[in-house]
Amino acid sequence: MRGFESTPPEVREILGRRIDQLGLKLEGSPVEHFVLQLQDELRRKGLFKFQAVCYLTDEWGCPDQEPIIGIPFYLADPKLAILEKEMNDLEDAREIMMYLRHEAGHAFNYAYRLYATLEWRKLFGPFNRRYREHYRPVPFSRRYVRHIEGWYAQKHPDEDFAETFAVWLTPGSSWRKRYRGWPALEKLKYVHRTTREVADRDPAVGHGKTDLTVAEMKLTVEQFYRRVARQNRAAVDLAMEGDLADIFGKPRRRKDGLRPAAEIVQAHREDLTDKIAYWTGVRRPIVRALVEAIIGHCGEQKLYGEPAKETAYLVELTAYGTTLAMNYLTRGRFVLK
């Protein structure tokens, strides 16, 4: 996570303001047209009774068993979006729609209480299964669809349904062809059939209760992001000295033709973050913090690399980062103590 000093002056002006006093609202905001697109996609699928109601909060999500979608507050204001991009990573248009479709799956499930039916439980598993933040996926399992980065459908039956719904809802997904021969296809067929069956019915739960709203967020913008920074730094509190020296060679003085290892990693920071997050499913801010920690350790150790070996370094760094990320995904720590 970078410092506030790298943000534009007009963005730094809002750091001291409380989030609940920024006047944020969904209507008329930059993210509103994505919500309208989601609603249009639902109507095109014949879901006129189900309303994908959204509100602004601190992160993506639906409150437990409440058919209402929470959207991160920073997407509602251009200055906050710039700050989020600088401090963490800002979702692009494709990612915003992916998250909206996923959360719409949760909301649809809760609105019609599908999770309480026998057929749902047989296909997806018990809804009351303990929800674990860290889980052990089976990569490339054909029992689950892939929508959000990583293997998110394997996290919990509720996530499995939400991911399946999102794939079904995505325009042009060609889900019948894409998942032909996969056990996951039966789940997609269930979503397709069930949405048709309830299309003309009013939801069993009509109005969802919000969790934390922007009107209840009393922290200043700076306090909010400093808290996020502490959480991310705590997640990557690990020693890398020996590992990075193995990759780049022992610490040494700079010689002609050598390039600081920190510069090599920095030049490919975005690609490393993207690929490790995509193939592991660990949240991008955590992966970004990991990559930035690698950059920091390379600088502290005064490691250098040979330009001719840059591709080899990147291959090894990707494998190294992926291994650490999978530890975090399954155990909650990058390195087990």
C-alpha atoms as a PDB file:
ATOM      1  CA  MET A   1       0.000   0.000   0.000  1.00  0.00           C
ATOM      2  CA  ARG A   2       1.464   3.328  -1.041  1.00  0.00           C
ATOM      3  CA  GLY A   3       1.503   6.471   1.047  1.00  0.00           C
ATOM      4  CA  PHE A   4      -0.972   9.335   0.923  1.00  0.00           C
ATOM      5  CA  GLU A   5       1.768  11.641  -0.342  1.00  0.00           C
ATOM      6  CA  SER A   6       1.535  10.106  -3.812  1.00  0.00           C
ATOM      7  CA  THR A   7      -2.118  11.081  -4.223  1.00  0.00           C
ATOM      8  CA  PRO A   8      -3.124  14.279  -6.096  1.00  0.00           C
ATOM      9  CA  PRO A   9      -3.667  17.434  -3.971  1.00  0.00           C
ATOM     10  CA  GLU A  10      -7.404  17.529  -4.699  1.00  0.00           C
ATOM     11  CA  VAL A  11      -7.696  13.998  -3.333  1.00  0.00           C
ATOM     12  CA  ARG A  12      -5.657  14.729  -0.209  1.00  0.00           C
ATOM     13  CA  GLU A  13      -8.188  17.437   0.624  1.00  0.00           C
ATOM     14  CA  ILE A  14     -10.793  14.827   1.576  1.00  0.00           C
ATOM     15  CA  LEU A  15      -8.524  12.727   3.812  1.00  0.00           C
ATOM     16  CA  GLY A  16      -9.576  14.552   6.970  1.00  0.00           C
ATOM     17  CA  ARG A  17     -13.288  14.416   6.249  1.00  0.00           C
ATOM     18  CA  ARG A  18     -15.575  11.847   7.835  1.00  0.00           C
ATOM     19  CA  ILE A  19     -17.062   9.371   5.392  1.00  0.00           C
ATOM     20  CA  ASP A  20     -20.587   9.966   6.678  1.00  0.00           C
ATOM     21  CA  GLN A  21     -20.197  13.680   5.877  1.00  0.00           C
ATOM     22  CA  LEU A  22     -19.146  13.292   2.243  1.00  0.00           C
ATOM     23  CA  GLY A  23     -22.731  13.247   0.986  1.00  0.00           C
ATOM     24  CA  LEU A  24     -22.235   9.958  -0.823  1.00  0.00           C
ATOM     25  CA  LYS A  25     -25.227   8.385  -2.508  1.00  0.00           C
ATOM     26  CA  LEU A  26     -25.786   5.787  -5.178  1.00  0.00           C
ATOM     27  CA  GLU A  27     -28.126   7.874  -7.313  1.00  0.00           C
ATOM     28  CA  GLY A  28     -26.214   9.948  -9.837  1.00  0.00           C
ATOM     29  CA  SER A  29     -22.871   8.428  -8.855  1.00  0.00           C
ATOM     30  CA  PRO A  30     -20.331   6.836 -11.237  1.00  0.00           C
ATOM     31  CA  VAL A  31     -21.373   3.358 -10.088  1.00  0.00           C
ATOM     32  CA  GLU A  32     -25.101   3.858 -10.676  1.00  0.00           C
ATOM     33  CA  HIS A  33     -24.979   2.896 -14.345  1.00  0.00           C
ATOM     34  CA  PHE A  34     -23.455  -0.465 -13.389  1.00  0.00           C
ATOM     35  CA  VAL A  35     -26.408  -1.085 -11.073  1.00  0.00           C
ATOM     36  CA  LEU A  36     -28.764  -0.153 -13.900  1.00  0.00           C
ATOM     37  CA  GLN A  37     -26.922  -2.564 -16.175  1.00  0.00           C
ATOM     38  CA  LEU A  38     -27.358  -5.331 -13.605  1.00  0.00           C
ATOM     39  CA  GLN A  39     -31.074  -4.636 -13.369  1.00  0.00           C
ATOM     40  CA  ASP A  40     -31.336  -4.700 -17.152  1.00  0.00           C
ATOM     41  CA  GLU A  41     -29.563  -8.063 -17.293  1.00  0.00           C
ATOM     42  CA  LEU A  42     -31.986  -9.466 -14.724  1.00  0.00           C
ATOM     43  CA  ARG A  43     -34.977  -8.240 -16.722  1.00  0.00           C
ATOM     44  CA  ARG A  44     -33.554  -9.753 -19.897  1.00  0.00           C
ATOM     45  CA  LYS A  45     -33.514 -13.071 -18.043  1.00  0.00           C
ATOM     46  CA  GLY A  46     -37.191 -12.617 -17.194  1.00  0.00           C
ATOM     47  CA  LEU A  47     -36.705 -11.640 -13.543  1.00  0.00           C
ATOM     48  CA  PHE A  48     -39.111  -8.724 -13.187  1.00  0.00           C
ATOM     49  CA  LYS A  49     -40.289  -9.398  -9.630  1.00  0.00           C
ATOM     50  CA  PHE A  50     -36.818  -9.687  -8.143  1.00  0.00           C
ATOM     51  CA  GLN A  51     -35.306  -6.285  -7.422  1.00  0.00           C
ATOM     52  CA  ALA A  52     -31.529  -6.063  -7.004  1.00  0.00           C
ATOM     53  CA  VAL A  53     -31.559  -3.313  -4.382  1.00  0.00           C
ATOM     54  CA  CYS A  54     -28.129  -1.824  -3.638  1.00  0.00           C
ATOM     55  CA  TYR A  55     -26.612   0.502  -1.043  1.00  0.00           C
ATOM     56  CA  LEU A  56     -23.199   1.987  -0.253  1.00  0.00           C
ATOM     57  CA  THR A  57     -21.088   0.419   2.478  1.00  0.00           C
ATOM     58  CA  ASP A  58     -17.438  -0.397   3.256  1.00  0.00           C
ATOM     59  CA  GLU A  59     -17.025  -3.474   1.032  1.00  0.00           C
ATOM     60  CA  TRP A  60     -18.775  -5.794  -1.403  1.00  0.00           C
ATOM     61  CA  GLY A  61     -21.332  -8.139   0.112  1.00  0.00           C
ATOM     62  CA  CYS A  62     -24.867  -8.997   1.130  1.00  0.00           C
ATOM     63  CA  PRO A  63     -25.758  -9.070   4.822  1.00  0.00           C
ATOM     64  CA  ASP A  64     -26.462 -12.655   5.891  1.00  0.00           C
ATOM     65  CA  GLN A  65     -29.769 -13.849   4.398  1.00  0.00           C
ATOM     66  CA  GLU A  66     -30.737 -10.290   3.445  1.00  0.00           C
ATOM     67  CA  PRO A  67     -31.565  -9.639  -0.247  1.00  0.00           C
ATOM     68  CA  ILE A  68     -29.699  -6.362  -0.562  1.00  0.00           C
ATOM     69  CA  ILE A  69     -26.329  -5.684  -2.188  1.00  0.00           C
ATOM     70  CA  GLY A  70     -23.573  -3.669  -0.540  1.00  0.00           C
ATOM     71  CA  ILE A  71     -21.254  -1.699  -2.844  1.00  0.00           C
ATOM     72  CA  PRO A  72     -17.950  -0.132  -1.678  1.00  0.00           C
ATOM     73  CA  PHE A  73     -18.412   3.576  -1.019  1.00  0.00           C
ATOM     74  CA  TYR A  74     -15.297   4.619  -2.951  1.00  0.00           C
ATOM     75  CA  LEU A  75     -16.986   3.663  -6.236  1.00  0.00           C
ATOM     76  CA  ALA A  76     -19.516   6.462  -5.730  1.00  0.00           C
ATOM     77  CA  ASP A  77     -17.046   9.354  -5.916  1.00  0.00           C
ATOM     78  CA  PRO A  78     -14.278  10.092  -8.460  1.00  0.00           C
ATOM     79  CA  LYS A  79     -11.831  11.401  -5.837  1.00  0.00           C
ATOM     80  CA  LEU A  80     -12.332   8.368  -3.628  1.00  0.00           C
ATOM     81  CA  ALA A  81     -11.862   6.120  -6.650  1.00  0.00           C
ATOM     82  CA  ILE A  82      -8.503   7.774  -7.371  1.00  0.00           C
ATOM     83  CA  LEU A  83      -7.507   7.262  -3.742  1.00  0.00           C
ATOM     84  CA  GLU A  84      -8.581   3.615  -3.769  1.00  0.00           C
ATOM     85  CA  LYS A  85      -6.601   2.985  -6.950  1.00  0.00           C
ATOM     86  CA  GLU A  86      -3.514   4.544  -5.408  1.00  0.00           C
ATOM     87  CA  MET A  87      -3.797   2.898  -2.002  1.00  0.00           C
ATOM     88  CA  ASN A  88      -5.162  -0.542  -2.865  1.00  0.00           C
ATOM     89  CA  ASP A  89      -6.490  -1.462  -6.293  1.00  0.00           C
ATOM     90  CA  LEU A  90      -9.592  -0.126  -7.993  1.00  0.00           C
ATOM     91  CA  GLU A  91     -12.016  -2.471  -9.707  1.00  0.00           C
ATOM     92  CA  ASP A  92     -12.414  -1.866 -13.427  1.00  0.00           C
ATOM     93  CA  ALA A  93     -15.774  -2.009 -15.230  1.00  0.00           C
ATOM     94  CA  ARG A  94     -15.493  -5.734 -15.893  1.00  0.00           C
ATOM     95  CA  GLU A  95     -14.729  -6.516 -12.258  1.00  0.00           C
ATOM     96  CA  ILE A  96     -17.532  -4.296 -10.962  1.00  0.00           C
ATOM     97  CA  MET A  97     -20.059  -6.211 -13.045  1.00  0.00           C
ATOM     98  CA  MET A  98     -18.574  -9.536 -11.962  1.00  0.00           C
ATOM     99  CA  TYR A  99     -19.011  -8.609  -8.305  1.00  0.00           C
ATOM    100  CA  LEU A 100     -22.516  -7.237  -8.888  1.00  0.00           C
ATOM    101  CA  ARG A 101     -23.642 -10.439 -10.616  1.00  0.00           C
ATOM    102  CA  HIS A 102     -22.139 -12.515  -7.820  1.00  0.00           C
ATOM    103  CA  GLU A 103     -23.846 -10.491  -5.106  1.00  0.00           C
ATOM    104  CA  ALA A 104     -27.092 -10.596  -7.086  1.00  0.00           C
ATOM    105  CA  GLY A 105     -26.832 -14.378  -6.783  1.00  0.00           C
ATOM    106  CA  HIS A 106     -26.719 -14.096  -3.004  1.00  0.00           C
ATOM    107  CA  ALA A 107     -29.611 -11.633  -2.992  1.00  0.00           C
ATOM    108  CA  PHE A 108     -31.719 -13.856  -5.263  1.00  0.00           C
ATOM    109  CA  ASN A 109     -31.015 -16.880  -3.080  1.00  0.00           C
ATOM    110  CA  TYR A 110     -32.067 -14.973   0.037  1.00  0.00           C
ATOM    111  CA  ALA A 111     -35.085 -13.321  -1.578  1.00  0.00           C
ATOM    112  CA  TYR A 112     -36.662 -16.663  -2.503  1.00  0.00           C
ATOM    113  CA  ARG A 113     -35.114 -18.646   0.357  1.00  0.00           C
ATOM    114  CA  LEU A 114     -33.838 -21.250  -2.073  1.00  0.00           C
ATOM    115  CA  TYR A 115     -31.176 -22.320   0.411  1.00  0.00           C
ATOM    116  CA  ALA A 116     -33.925 -23.822   2.598  1.00  0.00           C
ATOM    117  CA  THR A 117     -35.094 -26.263  -0.089  1.00  0.00           C
ATOM    118  CA  LEU A 118     -34.011 -29.889  -0.324  1.00  0.00           C
ATOM    119  CA  GLU A 119     -32.953 -29.649  -3.973  1.00  0.00           C
ATOM    120  CA  TRP A 120     -30.694 -26.671  -3.261  1.00  0.00           C
ATOM    121  CA  ARG A 121     -29.019 -28.517  -0.392  1.00  0.00           C
ATOM    122  CA  LYS A 122     -28.480 -31.619  -2.520  1.00  0.00           C
ATOM    123  CA  LEU A 123     -26.791 -29.607  -5.262  1.00  0.00           C
ATOM    124  CA  PHE A 124     -24.822 -27.046  -3.279  1.00  0.00           C
ATOM    125  CA  GLY A 125     -24.573 -28.429   0.247  1.00  0.00           C
ATOM    126  CA  PRO A 126     -25.903 -27.334   3.642  1.00  0.00           C
ATOM    127  CA  PHE A 127     -26.395 -23.602   3.899  1.00  0.00           C
ATOM    128  CA  ASN A 128     -25.599 -23.664   7.618  1.00  0.00           C
ATOM    129  CA  ARG A 129     -22.139 -25.118   7.045  1.00  0.00           C
ATOM    130  CA  ARG A 130     -19.555 -23.131   8.970  1.00  0.00           C
ATOM    131  CA  TYR A 131     -18.301 -20.199   6.904  1.00  0.00           C
ATOM    132  CA  ARG A 132     -14.511 -20.121   6.808  1.00  0.00           C
ATOM    133  CA  GLU A 133     -12.542 -17.141   5.580  1.00  0.00           C
ATOM    134  CA  HIS A 134      -9.699 -19.505   4.699  1.00  0.00           C
ATOM    135  CA  TYR A 135     -10.459 -22.753   2.887  1.00  0.00           C
ATOM    136  CA  ARG A 136      -8.784 -25.540   0.937  1.00  0.00           C
ATOM    137  CA  PRO A 137      -9.960 -25.539  -2.672  1.00  0.00           C
ATOM    138  CA  VAL A 138      -9.412 -28.278  -5.217  1.00  0.00           C
ATOM    139  CA  PRO A 139      -8.014 -26.260  -8.131  1.00  0.00           C
ATOM    140  CA  PHE A 140      -9.631 -26.946 -11.505  1.00  0.00           C
ATOM    141  CA  SER A 141     -12.413 -29.072 -10.007  1.00  0.00           C
ATOM    142  CA  ARG A 142     -15.207 -29.421 -12.553  1.00  0.00           C
ATOM    143  CA  ARG A 143     -17.821 -29.571  -9.835  1.00  0.00           C
ATOM    144  CA  TYR A 144     -17.709 -25.789  -9.598  1.00  0.00           C
ATOM    145  CA  VAL A 145     -17.946 -22.891 -12.040  1.00  0.00           C
ATOM    146  CA  ARG A 146     -15.283 -20.195 -12.170  1.00  0.00           C
ATOM    147  CA  HIS A 147     -16.356 -16.569 -12.091  1.00  0.00           C
ATOM    148  CA  ILE A 148     -14.528 -14.500  -9.481  1.00  0.00           C
ATOM    149  CA  GLU A 149     -10.748 -14.925  -9.337  1.00  0.00           C
ATOM    150  CA  GLY A 150      -9.499 -18.177  -7.899  1.00  0.00           C
ATOM    151  CA  TRP A 151     -11.757 -20.972  -6.697  1.00  0.00           C
ATOM    152  CA  TYR A 152     -14.324 -18.921  -4.803  1.00  0.00           C
ATOM    153  CA  ALA A 153     -17.264 -21.237  -5.485  1.00  0.00           C
ATOM    154  CA  GLN A 154     -15.569 -23.836  -3.282  1.00  0.00           C
ATOM    155  CA  LYS A 155     -15.534 -21.603  -0.234  1.00  0.00           C
ATOM    156  CA  HIS A 156     -19.100 -22.322   0.930  1.00  0.00           C
ATOM    157  CA  PRO A 157     -22.389 -23.613  -0.563  1.00  0.00           C
ATOM    158  CA  ASP A 158     -23.734 -20.050  -0.516  1.00  0.00           C
ATOM    159  CA  GLU A 159     -20.753 -18.871  -2.584  1.00  0.00           C
ATOM    160  CA  ASP A 160     -21.149 -21.846  -4.904  1.00  0.00           C
ATOM    161  CA  PHE A 161     -24.700 -20.773  -5.716  1.00  0.00           C
ATOM    162  CA  ALA A 162     -23.755 -17.099  -6.100  1.00  0.00           C
ATOM    163  CA  GLU A 163     -20.952 -17.961  -8.511  1.00  0.00           C
ATOM    164  CA  THR A 164     -23.221 -20.292 -10.481  1.00  0.00           C
ATOM    165  CA  PHE A 165     -25.921 -17.612 -10.700  1.00  0.00           C
ATOM    166  CA  ALA A 166     -23.336 -15.061 -11.865  1.00  0.00           C
ATOM    167  CA  VAL A 167     -22.120 -17.307 -14.684  1.00  0.00           C
ATOM    168  CA  TRP A 168     -25.718 -17.956 -15.752  1.00  0.00           C
ATOM    169  CA  LEU A 169     -26.502 -14.213 -15.688  1.00  0.00           C
ATOM    170  CA  THR A 170     -23.405 -13.012 -17.565  1.00  0.00           C
ATOM    171  CA  PRO A 171     -24.307 -12.027 -21.143  1.00  0.00           C
ATOM    172  CA  GLY A 172     -22.539 -14.165 -23.712  1.00  0.00           C
ATOM    173  CA  SER A 173     -21.205 -16.651 -21.159  1.00  0.00           C
ATOM    174  CA  SER A 174     -22.330 -19.617 -23.310  1.00  0.00           C
ATOM    175  CA  TRP A 175     -22.554 -21.595 -20.099  1.00  0.00           C
ATOM    176  CA  ARG A 176     -24.071 -24.690 -21.702  1.00  0.00           C
ATOM    177  CA  LYS A 177     -21.116 -24.991 -24.064  1.00  0.00           C
ATOM    178  CA  ARG A 178     -18.453 -23.824 -21.605  1.00  0.00           C
ATOM    179  CA  TYR A 179     -19.460 -26.333 -18.913  1.00  0.00           C
ATOM    180  CA  ARG A 180     -20.590 -29.209 -21.113  1.00  0.00           C
ATOM    181  CA  GLY A 181     -19.587 -32.485 -19.470  1.00  0.00           C
ATOM    182  CA  TRP A 182     -18.886 -30.832 -16.104  1.00  0.00           C
ATOM    183  CA  PRO A 183     -20.835 -31.831 -12.960  1.00  0.00           C
ATOM    184  CA  ALA A 184     -21.222 -28.053 -12.436  1.00  0.00           C
ATOM    185  CA  LEU A 185     -23.570 -27.976 -15.430  1.00  0.00           C
ATOM    186  CA  GLU A 186     -26.346 -29.493 -13.298  1.00  0.00           C
ATOM    187  CA  LYS A 187     -26.094 -26.503 -10.974  1.00  0.00           C
ATOM    188  CA  LEU A 188     -26.367 -24.108 -13.894  1.00  0.00           C
ATOM    189  CA  LYS A 189     -29.410 -25.961 -15.200  1.00  0.00           C
ATOM    190  CA  TYR A 190     -30.955 -25.690 -11.738  1.00  0.00           C
ATOM    191  CA  VAL A 191     -30.450 -21.913 -11.744  1.00  0.00           C
ATOM    192  CA  HIS A 192     -31.906 -21.654 -15.250  1.00  0.00           C
ATOM    193  CA  ARG A 193     -34.970 -23.709 -14.348  1.00  0.00           C
ATOM    194  CA  THR A 194     -35.549 -22.164 -10.924  1.00  0.00           C
ATOM    195  CA  THR A 195     -35.366 -18.580 -12.159  1.00  0.00           C
ATOM    196  CA  ARG A 196     -38.092 -19.397 -14.667  1.00  0.00           C
ATOM    197  CA  GLU A 197     -40.234 -21.035 -12.007  1.00  0.00           C
ATOM    198  CA  VAL A 198     -40.132 -18.023  -9.669  1.00  0.00           C
ATOM    199  CA  ALA A 199     -40.056 -15.291 -12.318  1.00  0.00           C
ATOM    200  CA  ASP A 200     -43.699 -14.329 -11.723  1.00  0.00           C
ATOM    201  CA  ARG A 201     -43.616 -14.735  -7.947  1.00  0.00           C
ATOM    202  CA  ASP A 202     -43.042 -12.043  -5.385  1.00  0.00           C
ATOM    203  CA  PRO A 203     -39.939 -12.742  -3.284  1.00  0.00           C
ATOM    204  CA  ALA A 204     -40.486 -14.402   0.086  1.00  0.00           C
ATOM    205  CA  VAL A 205     -38.222 -11.730   1.594  1.00  0.00           C
ATOM    206  CA  GLY A 206     -39.075  -8.446  -0.050  1.00  0.00           C
ATOM    207  CA  HIS A 207     -36.846  -5.922   1.680  1.00  0.00           C
ATOM    208  CA  GLY A 208     -33.352  -6.637   2.915  1.00  0.00           C
ATOM    209  CA  LYS A 209     -31.863  -5.011   5.988  1.00  0.00           C
ATOM    210  CA  THR A 210     -28.632  -3.129   5.454  1.00  0.00           C
ATOM    211  CA  ASP A 211     -25.488  -3.709   7.431  1.00  0.00           C
ATOM    212  CA  LEU A 212     -23.099  -0.755   7.771  1.00  0.00           C
ATOM    213  CA  THR A 213     -24.197   2.205   5.636  1.00  0.00           C
ATOM    214  CA  VAL A 214     -22.139   5.251   4.666  1.00  0.00           C
ATOM    215  CA  ALA A 215     -24.317   7.304   7.016  1.00  0.00           C
ATOM    216  CA  GLU A 216     -22.936   5.176   9.861  1.00  0.00           C
ATOM    217  CA  MET A 217     -19.261   5.362   8.851  1.00  0.00           C
ATOM    218  CA  LYS A 218     -17.801   7.854  11.333  1.00  0.00           C
ATOM    219  CA  LEU A 219     -14.136   7.353  10.425  1.00  0.00           C
ATOM    220  CA  THR A 220     -12.358   9.931   8.339  1.00  0.00           C
ATOM    221  CA  VAL A 221     -11.179   8.823   4.925  1.00  0.00           C
ATOM    222  CA  GLU A 222      -7.588   8.747   6.171  1.00  0.00           C
ATOM    223  CA  GLN A 223      -8.498   6.695   9.246  1.00  0.00           C
ATOM    224  CA  PHE A 224     -10.321   4.183   7.076  1.00  0.00           C
ATOM    225  CA  TYR A 225      -7.368   3.680   4.742  1.00  0.00           C
ATOM    226  CA  ARG A 226      -4.818   3.577   7.542  1.00  0.00           C
ATOM    227  CA  ARG A 227      -6.827   0.791   9.154  1.00  0.00           C
ATOM    228  CA  VAL A 228      -6.842  -1.124   5.865  1.00  0.00           C
ATOM    229  CA  ALA A 229      -3.086  -0.563   5.562  1.00  0.00           C
ATOM    230  CA  ARG A 230      -2.467  -2.003   9.039  1.00  0.00           C
ATOM    231  CA  GLN A 231      -4.515  -5.080   8.215  1.00  0.00           C
ATOM    232  CA  ASN A 232      -2.661  -5.663   4.945  1.00  0.00           C
ATOM    233  CA  ARG A 233       0.764  -5.128   6.525  1.00  0.00           C
ATOM    234  CA  ALA A 234      -0.074  -7.540   9.332  1.00  0.00           C
ATOM    235  CA  ALA A 235      -0.981 -10.183   6.763  1.00  0.00           C
ATOM    236  CA  VAL A 236       2.467 -10.029   5.130  1.00  0.00           C
ATOM    237  CA  ASP A 237       4.614  -9.841   8.246  1.00  0.00           C
ATOM    238  CA  LEU A 238       7.110 -12.503   7.228  1.00  0.00           C
ATOM    239  CA  ALA A 239      10.826 -12.944   6.700  1.00  0.00           C
ATOM    240  CA  MET A 240      11.945 -13.301   3.083  1.00  0.00           C
ATOM    241  CA  GLU A 241      15.672 -12.700   3.345  1.00  0.00           C
ATOM    242  CA  GLY A 242      16.861 -16.200   2.528  1.00  0.00           C
ATOM    243  CA  ASP A 243      14.210 -16.818  -0.118  1.00  0.00           C
ATOM    244  CA  LEU A 244      14.890 -13.662  -2.103  1.00  0.00           C
ATOM    245  CA  ALA A 245      18.643 -14.179  -1.881  1.00  0.00           C
ATOM    246  CA  ASP A 246      18.077 -17.638  -3.378  1.00  0.00           C
ATOM    247  CA  ILE A 247      16.183 -16.075  -6.279  1.00  0.00           C
ATOM    248  CA  PHE A 248      18.501 -13.151  -7.027  1.00  0.00           C
ATOM    249  CA  GLY A 249      21.748 -14.358  -5.522  1.00  0.00           C
ATOM    250  CA  LYS A 250      23.541 -13.185  -2.411  1.00  0.00           C
ATOM    251  CA  PRO A 251      23.515  -9.467  -1.527  1.00  0.00           C
ATOM    252  CA  ARG A 252      26.302  -7.636  -3.323  1.00  0.00           C
ATOM    253  CA  ARG A 253      27.456  -4.238  -4.443  1.00  0.00           C
ATOM    254  CA  ARG A 254      26.072  -2.859  -7.652  1.00  0.00           C
ATOM    255  CA  LYS A 255      28.205  -3.568 -10.672  1.00  0.00           C
ATOM    256  CA  ASP A 256      27.956  -2.404 -14.245  1.00  0.00           C
ATOM    257  CA  GLY A 257      25.155  -4.168 -16.054  1.00  0.00           C
ATOM    258  CA  LEU A 258      23.281  -5.190 -12.914  1.00  0.00           C
ATOM    259  CA  ARG A 259      19.856  -3.841 -12.026  1.00  0.00           C
ATOM    260  CA  PRO A 260      18.434  -3.484  -8.498  1.00  0.00           C
ATOM    261  CA  ALA A 261      16.111  -6.409  -7.822  1.00  0.00           C
ATOM    262  CA  ALA A 262      13.566  -4.002  -6.336  1.00  0.00           C
ATOM    263  CA  GLU A 263      13.380  -2.223  -9.702  1.00  0.00           C
ATOM    264  CA  ILE A 264      12.870  -5.513 -11.525  1.00  0.00           C
ATOM    265  CA  VAL A 265       9.964  -6.494  -9.288  1.00  0.00           C
ATOM    266  CA  GLN A 266       8.505  -2.974  -9.297  1.00  0.00           C
ATOM    267  CA  ALA A 267       8.442  -2.921 -13.102  1.00  0.00           C
ATOM    268  CA  HIS A 268       6.265  -6.040 -13.097  1.00  0.00           C
ATOM    269  CA  ARG A 269       4.289  -5.353  -9.906  1.00  0.00           C
ATOM    270  CA  GLU A 270       0.898  -5.121 -11.602  1.00  0.00           C
ATOM    271  CA  ASP A 271       1.345  -8.310 -13.634  1.00  0.00           C
ATOM    272  CA  LEU A 272       2.574 -10.259 -10.618  1.00  0.00           C
ATOM    273  CA  THR A 273      -0.362  -9.027  -8.552  1.00  0.00           C
ATOM    274  CA  ASP A 274      -2.882  -9.788 -11.298  1.00  0.00           C
ATOM    275  CA  LYS A 275      -1.720 -13.328 -11.995  1.00  0.00           C
ATOM    276  CA  ILE A 276      -1.173 -14.413  -8.399  1.00  0.00           C
ATOM    277  CA  ALA A 277      -4.579 -13.050  -7.374  1.00  0.00           C
ATOM    278  CA  TYR A 278      -6.312 -14.617 -10.380  1.00  0.00           C
ATOM    279  CA  TRP A 279      -4.935 -18.119  -9.946  1.00  0.00           C
ATOM    280  CA  THR A 280      -5.130 -18.283  -6.151  1.00  0.00           C
ATOM    281  CA  GLY A 281      -8.225 -16.241  -5.334  1.00  0.00           C
ATOM    282  CA  VAL A 282      -6.480 -14.306  -2.567  1.00  0.00           C
ATOM    283  CA  ARG A 283      -7.830 -10.748  -2.447  1.00  0.00           C
ATOM    284  CA  ARG A 284      -5.909  -8.306  -4.630  1.00  0.00           C
ATOM    285  CA  PRO A 285      -5.029  -5.870  -1.799  1.00  0.00           C
ATOM    286  CA  ILE A 286      -3.411  -8.731   0.118  1.00  0.00           C
ATOM    287  CA  VAL A 287      -1.480  -9.931  -2.934  1.00  0.00           C
ATOM    288  CA  ARG A 288      -0.458  -6.377  -3.738  1.00  0.00           C
ATOM    289  CA  ALA A 289       0.816  -5.951  -0.173  1.00  0.00           C
ATOM    290  CA  LEU A 290       2.785  -9.187  -0.585  1.00  0.00           C
ATOM    291  CA  VAL A 291       4.401  -7.999  -3.821  1.00  0.00           C
ATOM    292  CA  GLU A 292       5.226  -4.622  -2.279  1.00  0.00           C
ATOM    293  CA  ALA A 293       6.777  -6.411   0.704  1.00  0.00           C
ATOM    294  CA  ILE A 294       8.970  -8.352  -1.731  1.00  0.00           C
ATOM    295  CA  ILE A 295      10.030  -5.066  -3.326  1.00  0.00           C
ATOM    296  CA  GLY A 296      10.833  -3.615   0.084  1.00  0.00           C
ATOM    297  CA  HIS A 297      12.899  -6.619   1.170  1.00  0.00           C
ATOM    298  CA  CYS A 298      14.837  -6.597  -2.106  1.00  0.00           C
ATOM    299  CA  GLY A 299      15.746  -2.972  -1.500  1.00  0.00           C
ATOM    300  CA  GLU A 300      16.700  -3.514   2.136  1.00  0.00           C
ATOM    301  CA  GLN A 301      18.967  -6.433   1.232  1.00  0.00           C
ATOM    302  CA  LYS A 302      20.517  -4.535  -1.689  1.00  0.00           C
ATOM    303  CA  LEU A 303      19.831  -7.387  -4.072  1.00  0.00           C
ATOM    304  CA  TYR A 304      20.677  -7.047  -7.745  1.00  0.00           C
ATOM    305  CA  GLY A 305      19.800  -9.049 -10.815  1.00  0.00           C
ATOM    306  CA  GLU A 306      21.166  -9.625 -14.280  1.00  0.00           C
ATOM    307  CA  PRO A 307      18.927  -8.165 -17.007  1.00  0.00           C
ATOM    308  CA  ALA A 308      19.457 -11.272 -19.146  1.00  0.00           C
ATOM    309  CA  LYS A 309      17.894 -13.378 -16.388  1.00  0.00           C
ATOM    310  CA  GLU A 310      14.857 -11.149 -15.827  1.00  0.00           C
ATOM    311  CA  THR A 311      12.407 -13.660 -17.306  1.00  0.00           C
ATOM    312  CA  ALA A 312      13.777 -16.403 -15.064  1.00  0.00           C
ATOM    313  CA  TYR A 313      13.459 -14.136 -12.018  1.00  0.00           C
ATOM    314  CA  LEU A 314       9.824 -13.396 -12.855  1.00  0.00           C
ATOM    315  CA  VAL A 315       8.967 -17.068 -13.315  1.00  0.00           C
ATOM    316  CA  GLU A 316      10.479 -17.873  -9.934  1.00  0.00           C
ATOM    317  CA  LEU A 317       8.858 -14.872  -8.242  1.00  0.00           C
ATOM    318  CA  THR A 318       5.457 -15.875  -9.624  1.00  0.00           C
ATOM    319  CA  ALA A 319       5.881 -19.419  -8.321  1.00  0.00           C
ATOM    320  CA  TYR A 320       7.152 -18.087  -4.988  1.00  0.00           C
ATOM    321  CA  GLY A 321       4.297 -15.608  -4.599  1.00  0.00           C
ATOM    322  CA  THR A 322       1.700 -18.184  -5.622  1.00  0.00           C
ATOM    323  CA  THR A 323       2.996 -20.662  -3.044  1.00  0.00           C
ATOM    324  CA  LEU A 324       2.819 -18.042  -0.301  1.00  0.00           C
ATOM    325  CA  ALA A 325      -0.646 -16.954  -1.444  1.00  0.00           C
ATOM    326  CA  MET A 326      -1.986 -20.513  -1.355  1.00  0.00           C
ATOM    327  CA  ASN A 327      -0.675 -20.811   2.201  1.00  0.00           C
ATOM    328  CA  TYR A 328      -2.621 -17.671   3.055  1.00  0.00           C
ATOM    329  CA  LEU A 329      -5.764 -18.911   1.318  1.00  0.00           C
ATOM    330  CA  THR A 330      -5.804 -22.253   3.109  1.00  0.00           C
ATOM    331  CA  ARG A 331      -4.227 -21.423   6.474  1.00  0.00           C
ATOM    332  CA  GLY A 332      -4.665 -17.691   6.960  1.00  0.00           C
ATOM    333  CA  ARG A 333      -0.906 -17.077   7.039  1.00  0.00           C
ATOM    334  CA  PHE A 334       1.709 -16.760   4.320  1.00  0.00           C
ATOM    335  CA  VAL A 335       4.240 -18.727   6.350  1.00  0.00           C
ATOM    336  CA  LEU A 336       3.276 -21.216   9.043  1.00  0.00           C
ATOM    337  CA  LYS A 337       5.056 -20.804  12.363  1.00  0.00           C
END
